[in-house]
Amino acid sequence: PHDGDFPAAEEGNQLRLLAQIDCSQVDFEPFPKS
């Protein structure tokens, strides 16, 4: 988001995106619906 940043480890290095899921595409309990 606009006011956010890359998550980082305590040592300071940014983490890298492994994956992200649009939850509206996953119809499976108890997974989020959106």
Full PDB file with SEQRES, HELIX, SHEET, SSBOND, CRYST1, ORIGX, SCALE, CONECT and MASTER records, all heavy atoms in Angstrom:
SEQRES   1 A   34  PRO HIS ASP GLY ASP PHE PRO ALA ALA GLU GLU GLY ASN          
SEQRES   2 A   34  GLN LEU ARG LEU LEU ALA GLN ILE ASP CYS SER GLN VAL          
SEQRES   3 A   34  ASP PHE GLU PRO PHE PRO LYS SER                              
HELIX    1 AA1 CYS A   23  GLN A   25  5                                   3    
CRYST1    1.000    1.000    1.000  90.00  90.00  90.00 P 1           1          
ORIGX1      1.000000  0.000000  0.000000        0.00000                         
ORIGX2      0.000000  1.000000  0.000000        0.00000                         
ORIGX3      0.000000  0.000000  1.000000        0.00000                         
SCALE1      1.000000  0.000000  0.000000        0.00000                         
SCALE2      0.000000  1.000000  0.000000        0.00000                         
SCALE3      0.000000  0.000000  1.000000        0.00000                         
ATOM      1  N   PRO A   1       0.828  -1.217   0.000  1.00  0.00           N  
ATOM      2  CA  PRO A   1       0.000   0.000   0.000  1.00  0.00           C  
ATOM      3  C   PRO A   1       0.859   1.263   0.000  1.00  0.00           C  
ATOM      4  O   PRO A   1       2.065   1.220   0.254  1.00  0.00           O  
ATOM      5  CB  PRO A   1      -0.828  -0.127   1.279  1.00  0.00           C  
ATOM      6  CG  PRO A   1      -0.063  -1.060   2.151  1.00  0.00           C  
ATOM      7  CD  PRO A   1       0.644  -2.005   1.234  1.00  0.00           C  
ATOM      8  N   HIS A   2       0.209   2.392  -0.271  1.00  0.00           N  
ATOM      9  CA  HIS A   2       0.921   3.674  -0.353  1.00  0.00           C  
ATOM     10  C   HIS A   2       1.772   3.927   0.891  1.00  0.00           C  
ATOM     11  O   HIS A   2       2.907   4.395   0.801  1.00  0.00           O  
ATOM     12  CB  HIS A   2      -0.072   4.831  -0.522  1.00  0.00           C  
ATOM     13  CG  HIS A   2      -0.791   4.839  -1.837  1.00  0.00           C  
ATOM     14  ND1 HIS A   2      -0.139   4.911  -3.052  1.00  0.00           N  
ATOM     15  CD2 HIS A   2      -2.126   4.810  -2.119  1.00  0.00           C  
ATOM     16  CE1 HIS A   2      -1.031   4.917  -4.039  1.00  0.00           C  
ATOM     17  NE2 HIS A   2      -2.244   4.853  -3.502  1.00  0.00           N  
ATOM     18  N   ASP A   3       1.218   3.651   2.067  1.00  0.00           N  
ATOM     19  CA  ASP A   3       1.911   3.968   3.321  1.00  0.00           C  
ATOM     20  C   ASP A   3       2.717   2.787   3.852  1.00  0.00           C  
ATOM     21  O   ASP A   3       3.179   2.815   4.993  1.00  0.00           O  
ATOM     22  CB  ASP A   3       0.913   4.426   4.387  1.00  0.00           C  
ATOM     23  CG  ASP A   3      -0.149   3.375   4.688  1.00  0.00           C  
ATOM     24  OD1 ASP A   3      -0.201   2.346   3.973  1.00  0.00           O  
ATOM     25  OD2 ASP A   3      -0.926   3.571   5.649  1.00  0.00           O  
ATOM     26  N   GLY A   4       2.898   1.745   3.033  1.00  0.00           N  
ATOM     27  CA  GLY A   4       3.621   0.561   3.469  1.00  0.00           C  
ATOM     28  C   GLY A   4       5.007   0.472   2.866  1.00  0.00           C  
ATOM     29  O   GLY A   4       5.441   1.338   2.092  1.00  0.00           O  
ATOM     30  N   ASP A   5       5.723  -0.566   3.232  1.00  0.00           N  
ATOM     31  CA  ASP A   5       7.063  -0.806   2.713  1.00  0.00           C  
ATOM     32  C   ASP A   5       7.295  -2.301   2.633  1.00  0.00           C  
ATOM     33  O   ASP A   5       6.512  -3.097   3.170  1.00  0.00           O  
ATOM     34  CB  ASP A   5       8.117  -0.165   3.622  1.00  0.00           C  
ATOM     35  CG  ASP A   5       9.372   0.238   2.854  1.00  0.00           C  
ATOM     36  OD1 ASP A   5       9.605  -0.338   1.755  1.00  0.00           O  
ATOM     37  OD2 ASP A   5      10.104   1.108   3.327  1.00  0.00           O  
ATOM     38  N   PHE A   6       8.379  -2.710   1.998  1.00  0.00           N  
ATOM     39  CA  PHE A   6       8.748  -4.111   1.977  1.00  0.00           C  
ATOM     40  C   PHE A   6       8.940  -4.588   3.411  1.00  0.00           C  
ATOM     41  O   PHE A   6       9.596  -3.893   4.209  1.00  0.00           O  
ATOM     42  CB  PHE A   6      10.063  -4.310   1.222  1.00  0.00           C  
ATOM     43  CG  PHE A   6       9.939  -4.360  -0.270  1.00  0.00           C  
ATOM     44  CD1 PHE A   6       9.735  -3.196  -1.004  1.00  0.00           C  
ATOM     45  CD2 PHE A   6      10.024  -5.554  -0.947  1.00  0.00           C  
ATOM     46  CE1 PHE A   6       9.626  -3.225  -2.379  1.00  0.00           C  
ATOM     47  CE2 PHE A   6       9.919  -5.605  -2.326  1.00  0.00           C  
ATOM     48  CZ  PHE A   6       9.709  -4.448  -3.048  1.00  0.00           C  
ATOM     49  N   PRO A   7       8.398  -5.750   3.782  1.00  0.00           N  
ATOM     50  CA  PRO A   7       8.736  -6.287   5.098  1.00  0.00           C  
ATOM     51  C   PRO A   7      10.228  -6.581   5.142  1.00  0.00           C  
ATOM     52  O   PRO A   7      10.839  -6.903   4.107  1.00  0.00           O  
ATOM     53  CB  PRO A   7       7.899  -7.572   5.183  1.00  0.00           C  
ATOM     54  CG  PRO A   7       7.608  -7.944   3.770  1.00  0.00           C  
ATOM     55  CD  PRO A   7       7.514  -6.655   3.014  1.00  0.00           C  
ATOM     56  N   ALA A   8      10.829  -6.448   6.311  1.00  0.00           N  
ATOM     57  CA  ALA A   8      12.269  -6.622   6.434  1.00  0.00           C  
ATOM     58  C   ALA A   8      12.601  -7.475   7.650  1.00  0.00           C  
ATOM     59  O   ALA A   8      11.863  -7.508   8.639  1.00  0.00           O  
ATOM     60  CB  ALA A   8      12.959  -5.261   6.542  1.00  0.00           C  
ATOM     61  N   ALA A   9      13.739  -8.170   7.564  1.00  0.00           N  
ATOM     62  CA  ALA A   9      14.242  -8.935   8.700  1.00  0.00           C  
ATOM     63  C   ALA A   9      14.856  -7.971   9.708  1.00  0.00           C  
ATOM     64  O   ALA A   9      15.159  -6.814   9.391  1.00  0.00           O  
ATOM     65  CB  ALA A   9      15.275  -9.953   8.236  1.00  0.00           C  
ATOM     66  N   GLU A  10      15.047  -8.452  10.918  1.00  0.00           N  
ATOM     67  CA  GLU A  10      15.610  -7.608  11.978  1.00  0.00           C  
ATOM     68  C   GLU A  10      16.970  -7.058  11.580  1.00  0.00           C  
ATOM     69  O   GLU A  10      17.341  -5.941  11.952  1.00  0.00           O  
ATOM     70  CB  GLU A  10      15.719  -8.417  13.272  1.00  0.00           C  
ATOM     71  CG  GLU A  10      16.184  -7.599  14.460  1.00  0.00           C  
ATOM     72  CD  GLU A  10      16.206  -8.411  15.750  1.00  0.00           C  
ATOM     73  OE1 GLU A  10      15.807  -9.594  15.718  1.00  0.00           O  
ATOM     74  OE2 GLU A  10      16.611  -7.860  16.788  1.00  0.00           O  
ATOM     75  N   GLU A  11      17.705  -7.826  10.783  1.00  0.00           N  
ATOM     76  CA  GLU A  11      19.038  -7.370  10.360  1.00  0.00           C  
ATOM     77  C   GLU A  11      18.957  -6.229   9.352  1.00  0.00           C  
ATOM     78  O   GLU A  11      19.966  -5.592   9.053  1.00  0.00           O  
ATOM     79  CB  GLU A  11      19.809  -8.537   9.744  1.00  0.00           C  
ATOM     80  CG  GLU A  11      19.195  -9.054   8.456  1.00  0.00           C  
ATOM     81  CD  GLU A  11      19.965 -10.207   7.837  1.00  0.00           C  
ATOM     82  OE1 GLU A  11      20.667 -10.917   8.577  1.00  0.00           O  
ATOM     83  OE2 GLU A  11      19.853 -10.379   6.615  1.00  0.00           O  
ATOM     84  N   GLY A  12      17.758  -5.975   8.820  1.00  0.00           N  
ATOM     85  CA  GLY A  12      17.569  -4.825   7.948  1.00  0.00           C  
ATOM     86  C   GLY A  12      17.281  -5.153   6.498  1.00  0.00           C  
ATOM     87  O   GLY A  12      16.760  -4.307   5.770  1.00  0.00           O  
ATOM     88  N   ASN A  13      17.634  -6.350   6.043  1.00  0.00           N  
ATOM     89  CA  ASN A  13      17.414  -6.692   4.643  1.00  0.00           C  
ATOM     90  C   ASN A  13      15.934  -6.918   4.359  1.00  0.00           C  
ATOM     91  O   ASN A  13      15.227  -7.565   5.139  1.00  0.00           O  
ATOM     92  CB  ASN A  13      18.197  -7.953   4.265  1.00  0.00           C  
ATOM     93  CG  ASN A  13      19.689  -7.683   4.116  1.00  0.00           C  
ATOM     94  OD1 ASN A  13      20.100  -6.735   3.454  1.00  0.00           O  
ATOM     95  ND2 ASN A  13      20.499  -8.513   4.745  1.00  0.00           N  
ATOM     96  N   GLN A  14      15.481  -6.402   3.234  1.00  0.00           N  
ATOM     97  CA  GLN A  14      14.099  -6.607   2.826  1.00  0.00           C  
ATOM     98  C   GLN A  14      13.845  -8.076   2.492  1.00  0.00           C  
ATOM     99  O   GLN A  14      14.729  -8.775   1.990  1.00  0.00           O  
ATOM    100  CB  GLN A  14      13.769  -5.761   1.589  1.00  0.00           C  
ATOM    101  CG  GLN A  14      13.724  -4.272   1.832  1.00  0.00           C  
ATOM    102  CD  GLN A  14      13.398  -3.506   0.561  1.00  0.00           C  
ATOM    103  OE1 GLN A  14      13.507  -4.040  -0.545  1.00  0.00           O  
ATOM    104  NE2 GLN A  14      13.006  -2.257   0.695  1.00  0.00           N  
ATOM    105  N   LEU A  15      12.625  -8.519   2.760  1.00  0.00           N  
ATOM    106  CA  LEU A  15      12.195  -9.846   2.327  1.00  0.00           C  
ATOM    107  C   LEU A  15      11.734  -9.756   0.879  1.00  0.00           C  
ATOM    108  O   LEU A  15      11.450  -8.677   0.362  1.00  0.00           O  
ATOM    109  CB  LEU A  15      11.064 -10.361   3.211  1.00  0.00           C  
ATOM    110  CG  LEU A  15      11.294 -10.336   4.728  1.00  0.00           C  
ATOM    111  CD1 LEU A  15      10.140 -11.048   5.447  1.00  0.00           C  
ATOM    112  CD2 LEU A  15      12.626 -10.948   5.119  1.00  0.00           C  
ATOM    113  N   ARG A  16      11.662 -10.913   0.238  1.00  0.00           N  
ATOM    114  CA  ARG A  16      11.220 -10.979  -1.153  1.00  0.00           C  
ATOM    115  C   ARG A  16       9.913 -11.770  -1.236  1.00  0.00           C  
ATOM    116  O   ARG A  16       9.683 -12.705  -0.463  1.00  0.00           O  
ATOM    117  CB  ARG A  16      12.289 -11.633  -2.032  1.00  0.00           C  
ATOM    118  CG  ARG A  16      13.610 -10.870  -2.032  1.00  0.00           C  
ATOM    119  CD  ARG A  16      13.471  -9.510  -2.680  1.00  0.00           C  
ATOM    120  NE  ARG A  16      14.708  -8.713  -2.625  1.00  0.00           N  
ATOM    121  CZ  ARG A  16      14.801  -7.533  -2.067  1.00  0.00           C  
ATOM    122  NH1 ARG A  16      13.750  -6.992  -1.458  1.00  0.00           N  
ATOM    123  NH2 ARG A  16      15.933  -6.870  -2.078  1.00  0.00           N  
ATOM    124  N   LEU A  17       9.071 -11.409  -2.190  1.00  0.00           N  
ATOM    125  CA  LEU A  17       7.764 -12.057  -2.322  1.00  0.00           C  
ATOM    126  C   LEU A  17       7.908 -13.481  -2.850  1.00  0.00           C  
ATOM    127  O   LEU A  17       8.388 -13.692  -3.969  1.00  0.00           O  
ATOM    128  CB  LEU A  17       6.856 -11.262  -3.264  1.00  0.00           C  
ATOM    129  CG  LEU A  17       5.442 -11.844  -3.407  1.00  0.00           C  
ATOM    130  CD1 LEU A  17       4.628 -11.572  -2.147  1.00  0.00           C  
ATOM    131  CD2 LEU A  17       4.740 -11.263  -4.639  1.00  0.00           C  
ATOM    132  N   LEU A  18       7.496 -14.438  -2.032  1.00  0.00           N  
ATOM    133  CA  LEU A  18       7.418 -15.820  -2.488  1.00  0.00           C  
ATOM    134  C   LEU A  18       6.133 -16.024  -3.289  1.00  0.00           C  
ATOM    135  O   LEU A  18       6.153 -16.598  -4.376  1.00  0.00           O  
ATOM    136  CB  LEU A  18       7.454 -16.776  -1.295  1.00  0.00           C  
ATOM    137  CG  LEU A  18       7.375 -18.264  -1.630  1.00  0.00           C  
ATOM    138  CD1 LEU A  18       8.645 -18.713  -2.350  1.00  0.00           C  
ATOM    139  CD2 LEU A  18       7.165 -19.093  -0.366  1.00  0.00           C  
ATOM    140  N   ALA A  19       5.014 -15.545  -2.736  1.00  0.00           N  
ATOM    141  CA  ALA A  19       3.724 -15.705  -3.415  1.00  0.00           C  
ATOM    142  C   ALA A  19       2.695 -14.766  -2.808  1.00  0.00           C  
ATOM    143  O   ALA A  19       2.821 -14.354  -1.656  1.00  0.00           O  
ATOM    144  CB  ALA A  19       3.234 -17.144  -3.301  1.00  0.00           C  
ATOM    145  N   GLN A  20       1.676 -14.451  -3.599  1.00  0.00           N  
ATOM    146  CA  GLN A  20       0.509 -13.760  -3.066  1.00  0.00           C  
ATOM    147  C   GLN A  20      -0.730 -14.352  -3.737  1.00  0.00           C  
ATOM    148  O   GLN A  20      -0.685 -14.778  -4.900  1.00  0.00           O  
ATOM    149  CB  GLN A  20       0.587 -12.249  -3.253  1.00  0.00           C  
ATOM    150  CG  GLN A  20       0.452 -11.738  -4.650  1.00  0.00           C  
ATOM    151  CD  GLN A  20       0.494 -10.205  -4.719  1.00  0.00           C  
ATOM    152  OE1 GLN A  20       0.988  -9.509  -3.828  1.00  0.00           O  
ATOM    153  NE2 GLN A  20      -0.027  -9.653  -5.802  1.00  0.00           N  
ATOM    154  N   ILE A  21      -1.833 -14.392  -2.973  1.00  0.00           N  
ATOM    155  CA  ILE A  21      -3.053 -15.046  -3.434  1.00  0.00           C  
ATOM    156  C   ILE A  21      -4.227 -14.085  -3.347  1.00  0.00           C  
ATOM    157  O   ILE A  21      -4.482 -13.505  -2.281  1.00  0.00           O  
ATOM    158  CB  ILE A  21      -3.342 -16.299  -2.592  1.00  0.00           C  
ATOM    159  CG1 ILE A  21      -2.194 -17.308  -2.723  1.00  0.00           C  
ATOM    160  CG2 ILE A  21      -4.661 -16.940  -3.001  1.00  0.00           C  
ATOM    161  CD1 ILE A  21      -2.304 -18.489  -1.780  1.00  0.00           C  
ATOM    162  N   ASP A  22      -4.914 -13.924  -4.462  1.00  0.00           N  
ATOM    163  CA  ASP A  22      -6.198 -13.226  -4.472  1.00  0.00           C  
ATOM    164  C   ASP A  22      -7.213 -14.217  -3.912  1.00  0.00           C  
ATOM    165  O   ASP A  22      -7.622 -15.160  -4.595  1.00  0.00           O  
ATOM    166  CB  ASP A  22      -6.550 -12.823  -5.904  1.00  0.00           C  
ATOM    167  CG  ASP A  22      -7.928 -12.173  -6.018  1.00  0.00           C  
ATOM    168  OD1 ASP A  22      -8.663 -12.124  -5.008  1.00  0.00           O  
ATOM    169  OD2 ASP A  22      -8.273 -11.730  -7.127  1.00  0.00           O  
ATOM    170  N   CYS A  23      -7.596 -14.024  -2.656  1.00  0.00           N  
ATOM    171  CA  CYS A  23      -8.396 -15.019  -1.946  1.00  0.00           C  
ATOM    172  C   CYS A  23      -9.766 -15.247  -2.573  1.00  0.00           C  
ATOM    173  O   CYS A  23     -10.377 -16.303  -2.360  1.00  0.00           O  
ATOM    174  CB  CYS A  23      -8.549 -14.621  -0.479  1.00  0.00           C  
ATOM    175  SG  CYS A  23      -6.978 -14.503   0.405  1.00  0.00           S  
ATOM    176  N   SER A  24     -10.259 -14.292  -3.341  1.00  0.00           N  
ATOM    177  CA  SER A  24     -11.556 -14.472  -3.997  1.00  0.00           C  
ATOM    178  C   SER A  24     -11.510 -15.591  -5.030  1.00  0.00           C  
ATOM    179  O   SER A  24     -12.557 -16.083  -5.467  1.00  0.00           O  
ATOM    180  CB  SER A  24     -12.001 -13.166  -4.664  1.00  0.00           C  
ATOM    181  OG  SER A  24     -11.160 -12.831  -5.751  1.00  0.00           O  
ATOM    182  N   GLN A  25     -10.298 -16.016  -5.425  1.00  0.00           N  
ATOM    183  CA  GLN A  25     -10.152 -17.095  -6.397  1.00  0.00           C  
ATOM    184  C   GLN A  25     -10.106 -18.468  -5.742  1.00  0.00           C  
ATOM    185  O   GLN A  25     -10.056 -19.477  -6.438  1.00  0.00           O  
ATOM    186  CB  GLN A  25      -8.876 -16.882  -7.225  1.00  0.00           C  
ATOM    187  CG  GLN A  25      -8.884 -15.609  -8.048  1.00  0.00           C  
ATOM    188  CD  GLN A  25      -7.581 -15.428  -8.815  1.00  0.00           C  
ATOM    189  OE1 GLN A  25      -6.519 -15.863  -8.379  1.00  0.00           O  
ATOM    190  NE2 GLN A  25      -7.678 -14.788  -9.967  1.00  0.00           N  
ATOM    191  N   VAL A  26     -10.097 -18.500  -4.404  1.00  0.00           N  
ATOM    192  CA  VAL A  26      -9.949 -19.765  -3.680  1.00  0.00           C  
ATOM    193  C   VAL A  26     -11.209 -20.035  -2.875  1.00  0.00           C  
ATOM    194  O   VAL A  26     -11.452 -19.402  -1.846  1.00  0.00           O  
ATOM    195  CB  VAL A  26      -8.708 -19.723  -2.748  1.00  0.00           C  
ATOM    196  CG1 VAL A  26      -8.567 -21.041  -1.994  1.00  0.00           C  
ATOM    197  CG2 VAL A  26      -7.452 -19.433  -3.548  1.00  0.00           C  
ATOM    198  N   ASP A  27     -12.011 -20.971  -3.319  1.00  0.00           N  
ATOM    199  CA  ASP A  27     -13.262 -21.335  -2.643  1.00  0.00           C  
ATOM    200  C   ASP A  27     -13.008 -22.558  -1.778  1.00  0.00           C  
ATOM    201  O   ASP A  27     -13.168 -23.706  -2.215  1.00  0.00           O  
ATOM    202  CB  ASP A  27     -14.354 -21.615  -3.684  1.00  0.00           C  
ATOM    203  CG  ASP A  27     -15.688 -21.986  -3.049  1.00  0.00           C  
ATOM    204  OD1 ASP A  27     -15.854 -21.761  -1.832  1.00  0.00           O  
ATOM    205  OD2 ASP A  27     -16.562 -22.519  -3.772  1.00  0.00           O  
ATOM    206  N   PHE A  28     -12.573 -22.307  -0.539  1.00  0.00           N  
ATOM    207  CA  PHE A  28     -12.153 -23.425   0.311  1.00  0.00           C  
ATOM    208  C   PHE A  28     -12.181 -22.992   1.772  1.00  0.00           C  
ATOM    209  O   PHE A  28     -11.479 -22.068   2.172  1.00  0.00           O  
ATOM    210  CB  PHE A  28     -10.741 -23.863  -0.085  1.00  0.00           C  
ATOM    211  CG  PHE A  28     -10.312 -25.184   0.501  1.00  0.00           C  
ATOM    212  CD1 PHE A  28     -10.818 -26.367   0.013  1.00  0.00           C  
ATOM    213  CD2 PHE A  28      -9.378 -25.225   1.520  1.00  0.00           C  
ATOM    214  CE1 PHE A  28     -10.410 -27.585   0.537  1.00  0.00           C  
ATOM    215  CE2 PHE A  28      -8.963 -26.429   2.049  1.00  0.00           C  
ATOM    216  CZ  PHE A  28      -9.478 -27.619   1.560  1.00  0.00           C  
ATOM    217  N   GLU A  29     -12.990 -23.646   2.572  1.00  0.00           N  
ATOM    218  CA  GLU A  29     -13.058 -23.329   4.000  1.00  0.00           C  
ATOM    219  C   GLU A  29     -11.845 -23.907   4.717  1.00  0.00           C  
ATOM    220  O   GLU A  29     -11.415 -25.033   4.407  1.00  0.00           O  
ATOM    221  CB  GLU A  29     -14.334 -23.919   4.607  1.00  0.00           C  
ATOM    222  CG  GLU A  29     -15.622 -23.301   4.088  1.00  0.00           C  
ATOM    223  CD  GLU A  29     -15.802 -21.855   4.531  1.00  0.00           C  
ATOM    224  OE1 GLU A  29     -15.144 -21.457   5.517  1.00  0.00           O  
ATOM    225  OE2 GLU A  29     -16.590 -21.149   3.895  1.00  0.00           O  
ATOM    226  N   PRO A  30     -11.277 -23.170   5.710  1.00  0.00           N  
ATOM    227  CA  PRO A  30     -11.670 -21.843   6.212  1.00  0.00           C  
ATOM    228  C   PRO A  30     -10.831 -20.711   5.612  1.00  0.00           C  
ATOM    229  O   PRO A  30     -10.567 -19.727   6.273  1.00  0.00           O  
ATOM    230  CB  PRO A  30     -11.400 -21.992   7.710  1.00  0.00           C  
ATOM    231  CG  PRO A  30     -10.177 -22.870   7.759  1.00  0.00           C  
ATOM    232  CD  PRO A  30     -10.285 -23.816   6.586  1.00  0.00           C  
ATOM    233  N   PHE A  31     -10.394 -20.871   4.357  1.00  0.00           N  
ATOM    234  CA  PHE A  31      -9.566 -19.862   3.704  1.00  0.00           C  
ATOM    235  C   PHE A  31     -10.366 -18.567   3.550  1.00  0.00           C  
ATOM    236  O   PHE A  31     -11.588 -18.614   3.364  1.00  0.00           O  
ATOM    237  CB  PHE A  31      -9.121 -20.372   2.333  1.00  0.00           C  
ATOM    238  CG  PHE A  31      -7.831 -19.794   1.839  1.00  0.00           C  
ATOM    239  CD1 PHE A  31      -6.612 -20.239   2.337  1.00  0.00           C  
ATOM    240  CD2 PHE A  31      -7.818 -18.804   0.880  1.00  0.00           C  
ATOM    241  CE1 PHE A  31      -5.416 -19.713   1.882  1.00  0.00           C  
ATOM    242  CE2 PHE A  31      -6.641 -18.267   0.410  1.00  0.00           C  
ATOM    243  CZ  PHE A  31      -5.441 -18.718   0.912  1.00  0.00           C  
ATOM    244  N   PRO A  32      -9.732 -17.393   3.633  1.00  0.00           N  
ATOM    245  CA  PRO A  32     -10.461 -16.128   3.453  1.00  0.00           C  
ATOM    246  C   PRO A  32     -11.191 -16.093   2.117  1.00  0.00           C  
ATOM    247  O   PRO A  32     -10.723 -16.654   1.124  1.00  0.00           O  
ATOM    248  CB  PRO A  32      -9.348 -15.074   3.501  1.00  0.00           C  
ATOM    249  CG  PRO A  32      -8.220 -15.725   4.215  1.00  0.00           C  
ATOM    250  CD  PRO A  32      -8.295 -17.171   3.889  1.00  0.00           C  
ATOM    251  N   LYS A  33     -12.315 -15.431   2.101  1.00  0.00           N  
ATOM    252  CA  LYS A  33     -13.122 -15.352   0.886  1.00  0.00           C  
ATOM    253  C   LYS A  33     -12.766 -14.140   0.023  1.00  0.00           C  
ATOM    254  O   LYS A  33     -13.199 -14.050  -1.132  1.00  0.00           O  
ATOM    255  CB  LYS A  33     -14.610 -15.323   1.251  1.00  0.00           C  
ATOM    256  CG  LYS A  33     -15.105 -16.625   1.860  1.00  0.00           C  
ATOM    257  CD  LYS A  33     -16.568 -16.534   2.250  1.00  0.00           C  
ATOM    258  CE  LYS A  33     -17.113 -17.896   2.673  1.00  0.00           C  
ATOM    259  NZ  LYS A  33     -16.345 -18.490   3.776  1.00  0.00           N  
ATOM    260  N   SER A  34     -12.020 -13.223   0.580  1.00  0.00           N  
ATOM    261  CA  SER A  34     -11.618 -12.031  -0.167  1.00  0.00           C  
ATOM    262  C   SER A  34     -10.309 -11.512   0.411  1.00  0.00           C  
ATOM    263  O   SER A  34      -9.812 -12.007   1.434  1.00  0.00           O  
ATOM    264  CB  SER A  34     -12.709 -10.954  -0.092  1.00  0.00           C  
ATOM    265  OG  SER A  34     -12.915 -10.549   1.252  1.00  0.00           O  
TER     266      SER A  34                                                      
MASTER        0    0    0    1    0    0    0    6  265    1    0    3          
END                                                                             
